Amino acid sequence: MAEHEKTETKLKLATPGSIAVDAILVVAFFIYMYTVVSTHVPSEDPKMIHLWGALTASCLAALFWLALQMFRVVYKAQCEAKKK
C-alpha cells in the first residue's frame, strides 16, 4: 500500500458528531435568514411570504452548508500539514 493510500484511509472528514453540529448550525442559519428575508417579500399574502421566504432561506442555508464543508476540509488539511 502506498503512503498516499495510507493517509487517505486515516483522514476522516465527517464524523457523526460533526454532521450533527453542521445540521444544527444550518437549521439555525435557515431560521435566522427566513426571519430576515421574509420581511422583504413584496406581497401581502401570508402564503406567498412563507413560500418565498422559505425558498430564499433554503438557498442561503445550502450555501452556508457548502461553506461549512469547505471550511472543515481546509482546516483539517492545515492541521495535517502542521503535523508533518
N, C-alpha and C. Protein backbone atom coordinates (compact mmCIF):
# COMPACT_ATOMS: atom_id res chain seq x y z
N MET A 1 0.85 -1.18 0.00
CA MET A 1 0.00 0.00 0.00
C MET A 1 0.90 1.24 0.00
N ALA A 2 0.60 2.16 -0.86
CA ALA A 2 1.41 3.38 -0.97
C ALA A 2 1.14 4.30 0.21
N GLU A 3 2.08 5.21 0.44
CA GLU A 3 1.94 6.16 1.56
C GLU A 3 0.70 7.03 1.39
N HIS A 4 0.42 7.44 0.15
CA HIS A 4 -0.75 8.28 -0.13
C HIS A 4 -2.04 7.56 0.24
N GLU A 5 -2.12 6.26 -0.05
CA GLU A 5 -3.32 5.49 0.27
C GLU A 5 -3.50 5.34 1.78
N LYS A 6 -2.40 5.25 2.53
CA LYS A 6 -2.49 5.14 3.98
C LYS A 6 -3.08 6.41 4.59
N THR A 7 -2.66 7.56 4.12
CA THR A 7 -3.19 8.80 4.66
C THR A 7 -4.64 9.00 4.28
N GLU A 8 -5.03 8.50 3.11
CA GLU A 8 -6.43 8.62 2.68
C GLU A 8 -7.34 7.84 3.61
N THR A 9 -6.91 6.66 4.09
CA THR A 9 -7.77 5.85 4.93
C THR A 9 -7.83 6.40 6.35
N LYS A 10 -6.79 7.08 6.82
CA LYS A 10 -6.78 7.60 8.19
C LYS A 10 -7.60 8.88 8.34
N LEU A 11 -7.66 9.71 7.31
CA LEU A 11 -8.27 11.02 7.42
C LEU A 11 -9.78 10.92 7.26
N LYS A 12 -10.51 11.19 8.36
CA LYS A 12 -11.97 11.21 8.31
C LYS A 12 -12.42 12.65 8.36
N LEU A 13 -13.16 13.07 7.34
CA LEU A 13 -13.61 14.46 7.27
C LEU A 13 -14.96 14.65 7.93
N ALA A 14 -15.78 13.63 7.95
CA ALA A 14 -17.11 13.76 8.54
C ALA A 14 -17.33 12.65 9.56
N THR A 15 -17.65 13.05 10.77
CA THR A 15 -18.00 12.12 11.83
C THR A 15 -19.45 12.36 12.20
N PRO A 16 -20.08 11.45 12.89
CA PRO A 16 -21.48 11.69 13.29
C PRO A 16 -21.65 12.96 14.13
N GLY A 17 -20.67 13.27 14.95
CA GLY A 17 -20.74 14.49 15.75
C GLY A 17 -20.65 15.75 14.90
N SER A 18 -19.75 15.72 13.93
CA SER A 18 -19.61 16.90 13.06
C SER A 18 -20.83 17.09 12.18
N ILE A 19 -21.44 16.00 11.76
CA ILE A 19 -22.67 16.10 10.96
C ILE A 19 -23.80 16.69 11.79
N ALA A 20 -23.89 16.28 13.06
CA ALA A 20 -24.93 16.82 13.94
C ALA A 20 -24.72 18.31 14.20
N VAL A 21 -23.48 18.71 14.43
CA VAL A 21 -23.18 20.13 14.64
C VAL A 21 -23.51 20.93 13.39
N ASP A 22 -23.13 20.41 12.23
CA ASP A 22 -23.43 21.10 10.97
C ASP A 22 -24.94 21.23 10.76
N ALA A 23 -25.68 20.17 11.07
CA ALA A 23 -27.13 20.21 10.90
C ALA A 23 -27.76 21.27 11.80
N ILE A 24 -27.31 21.36 13.04
CA ILE A 24 -27.84 22.36 13.97
C ILE A 24 -27.51 23.76 13.48
N LEU A 25 -26.28 23.97 13.03
CA LEU A 25 -25.88 25.29 12.52
C LEU A 25 -26.66 25.68 11.28
N VAL A 26 -26.88 24.73 10.37
CA VAL A 26 -27.62 25.03 9.14
C VAL A 26 -29.07 25.34 9.45
N VAL A 27 -29.69 24.60 10.34
CA VAL A 27 -31.09 24.87 10.71
C VAL A 27 -31.20 26.23 11.39
N ALA A 28 -30.27 26.55 12.27
CA ALA A 28 -30.29 27.86 12.93
C ALA A 28 -30.09 28.98 11.92
N PHE A 29 -29.19 28.78 10.95
CA PHE A 29 -28.96 29.78 9.92
C PHE A 29 -30.19 29.94 9.04
N PHE A 30 -30.87 28.83 8.72
CA PHE A 30 -32.09 28.89 7.93
C PHE A 30 -33.16 29.72 8.65
N ILE A 31 -33.35 29.46 9.92
CA ILE A 31 -34.36 30.19 10.69
C ILE A 31 -34.03 31.67 10.74
N TYR A 32 -32.76 31.99 10.97
CA TYR A 32 -32.36 33.39 11.00
C TYR A 32 -32.59 34.06 9.65
N MET A 33 -32.16 33.40 8.58
CA MET A 33 -32.32 34.00 7.26
C MET A 33 -33.78 34.10 6.86
N TYR A 34 -34.60 33.15 7.28
CA TYR A 34 -36.03 33.24 6.98
C TYR A 34 -36.63 34.48 7.64
N THR A 35 -36.26 34.74 8.88
CA THR A 35 -36.80 35.92 9.55
C THR A 35 -36.33 37.21 8.88
N VAL A 36 -35.14 37.18 8.30
CA VAL A 36 -34.62 38.38 7.61
C VAL A 36 -35.29 38.56 6.26
N VAL A 37 -35.30 37.51 5.44
CA VAL A 37 -35.78 37.67 4.06
C VAL A 37 -37.29 37.71 3.94
N SER A 38 -38.01 37.09 4.86
CA SER A 38 -39.48 37.09 4.73
C SER A 38 -40.06 38.50 4.88
N THR A 39 -39.37 39.39 5.55
CA THR A 39 -39.87 40.76 5.67
C THR A 39 -39.68 41.55 4.37
N HIS A 40 -38.89 41.02 3.44
CA HIS A 40 -38.61 41.72 2.18
C HIS A 40 -39.41 41.18 1.00
N VAL A 41 -40.28 40.21 1.24
CA VAL A 41 -41.10 39.67 0.15
C VAL A 41 -42.17 40.69 -0.21
N PRO A 42 -42.24 41.09 -1.49
CA PRO A 42 -43.21 42.13 -1.88
C PRO A 42 -44.61 41.56 -2.11
N SER A 43 -45.24 41.11 -1.04
CA SER A 43 -46.58 40.54 -1.14
C SER A 43 -47.31 40.76 0.18
N GLU A 44 -48.63 40.77 0.09
CA GLU A 44 -49.47 40.87 1.28
C GLU A 44 -50.03 39.50 1.67
N ASP A 45 -49.93 38.53 0.78
CA ASP A 45 -50.45 37.19 1.01
C ASP A 45 -49.49 36.41 1.91
N PRO A 46 -49.94 35.96 3.09
CA PRO A 46 -49.05 35.23 4.00
C PRO A 46 -48.48 33.95 3.39
N LYS A 47 -49.25 33.27 2.53
CA LYS A 47 -48.73 32.05 1.90
C LYS A 47 -47.53 32.36 1.00
N MET A 48 -47.64 33.43 0.25
CA MET A 48 -46.53 33.81 -0.64
C MET A 48 -45.31 34.27 0.17
N ILE A 49 -45.57 34.96 1.26
CA ILE A 49 -44.47 35.40 2.13
C ILE A 49 -43.74 34.18 2.70
N HIS A 50 -44.49 33.19 3.17
CA HIS A 50 -43.88 31.97 3.71
C HIS A 50 -43.15 31.20 2.62
N LEU A 51 -43.78 31.08 1.45
CA LEU A 51 -43.18 30.32 0.36
C LEU A 51 -41.85 30.93 -0.10
N TRP A 52 -41.88 32.22 -0.46
CA TRP A 52 -40.67 32.83 -1.00
C TRP A 52 -39.62 33.09 0.08
N GLY A 53 -40.06 33.32 1.30
CA GLY A 53 -39.09 33.44 2.39
C GLY A 53 -38.37 32.12 2.63
N ALA A 54 -39.13 31.01 2.61
CA ALA A 54 -38.53 29.70 2.83
C ALA A 54 -37.64 29.28 1.66
N LEU A 55 -38.08 29.56 0.43
CA LEU A 55 -37.26 29.21 -0.73
C LEU A 55 -35.94 29.98 -0.74
N THR A 56 -36.01 31.26 -0.43
CA THR A 56 -34.79 32.07 -0.41
C THR A 56 -33.87 31.63 0.73
N ALA A 57 -34.44 31.40 1.89
CA ALA A 57 -33.64 30.98 3.04
C ALA A 57 -33.03 29.60 2.81
N SER A 58 -33.72 28.73 2.09
CA SER A 58 -33.16 27.40 1.83
C SER A 58 -31.95 27.49 0.90
N CYS A 59 -32.01 28.37 -0.10
CA CYS A 59 -30.83 28.55 -0.97
C CYS A 59 -29.65 29.08 -0.17
N LEU A 60 -29.90 30.04 0.69
CA LEU A 60 -28.82 30.60 1.50
C LEU A 60 -28.29 29.58 2.50
N ALA A 61 -29.18 28.76 3.06
CA ALA A 61 -28.74 27.73 4.00
C ALA A 61 -27.90 26.67 3.29
N ALA A 62 -28.25 26.34 2.06
CA ALA A 62 -27.44 25.38 1.29
C ALA A 62 -26.05 25.95 1.02
N LEU A 63 -25.98 27.21 0.71
CA LEU A 63 -24.69 27.87 0.51
C LEU A 63 -23.88 27.89 1.81
N PHE A 64 -24.55 28.13 2.93
CA PHE A 64 -23.90 28.11 4.23
C PHE A 64 -23.36 26.71 4.54
N TRP A 65 -24.14 25.66 4.21
CA TRP A 65 -23.69 24.30 4.42
C TRP A 65 -22.43 24.02 3.59
N LEU A 66 -22.44 24.45 2.33
CA LEU A 66 -21.28 24.26 1.48
C LEU A 66 -20.05 24.97 2.05
N ALA A 67 -20.24 26.18 2.56
CA ALA A 67 -19.13 26.92 3.16
C ALA A 67 -18.60 26.19 4.40
N LEU A 68 -19.50 25.62 5.20
CA LEU A 68 -19.05 24.85 6.37
C LEU A 68 -18.21 23.65 5.96
N GLN A 69 -18.64 22.95 4.92
CA GLN A 69 -17.89 21.78 4.47
C GLN A 69 -16.52 22.17 3.93
N MET A 70 -16.47 23.26 3.18
CA MET A 70 -15.19 23.73 2.65
C MET A 70 -14.27 24.16 3.79
N PHE A 71 -14.82 24.84 4.79
CA PHE A 71 -14.04 25.24 5.95
C PHE A 71 -13.47 24.03 6.67
N ARG A 72 -14.30 23.00 6.83
CA ARG A 72 -13.86 21.78 7.53
C ARG A 72 -12.71 21.11 6.79
N VAL A 73 -12.81 21.00 5.48
CA VAL A 73 -11.77 20.34 4.69
C VAL A 73 -10.47 21.12 4.75
N VAL A 74 -10.54 22.44 4.59
CA VAL A 74 -9.33 23.27 4.62
C VAL A 74 -8.69 23.24 6.01
N TYR A 75 -9.51 23.30 7.05
CA TYR A 75 -8.99 23.27 8.42
C TYR A 75 -8.28 21.94 8.70
N LYS A 76 -8.90 20.82 8.29
CA LYS A 76 -8.26 19.51 8.50
C LYS A 76 -6.96 19.40 7.72
N ALA A 77 -6.96 19.93 6.49
CA ALA A 77 -5.73 19.87 5.67
C ALA A 77 -4.62 20.70 6.31
N GLN A 78 -4.97 21.86 6.85
CA GLN A 78 -3.96 22.68 7.50
C GLN A 78 -3.42 22.02 8.77
N CYS A 79 -4.30 21.39 9.52
CA CYS A 79 -3.84 20.68 10.72
C CYS A 79 -2.93 19.52 10.36
N GLU A 80 -3.28 18.80 9.30
CA GLU A 80 -2.43 17.68 8.85
C GLU A 80 -1.08 18.20 8.36
N ALA A 81 -1.08 19.34 7.68
CA ALA A 81 0.17 19.90 7.18
C ALA A 81 1.08 20.34 8.32
N LYS A 82 0.50 20.86 9.41
CA LYS A 82 1.30 21.27 10.57
C LYS A 82 1.94 20.07 11.26
N LYS A 83 1.25 18.93 11.26
CA LYS A 83 1.77 17.72 11.90
C LYS A 83 2.98 17.17 11.17
N LYS A 84 3.01 17.37 9.86
CA LYS A 84 4.12 16.82 9.05
C LYS A 84 5.28 17.70 9.05
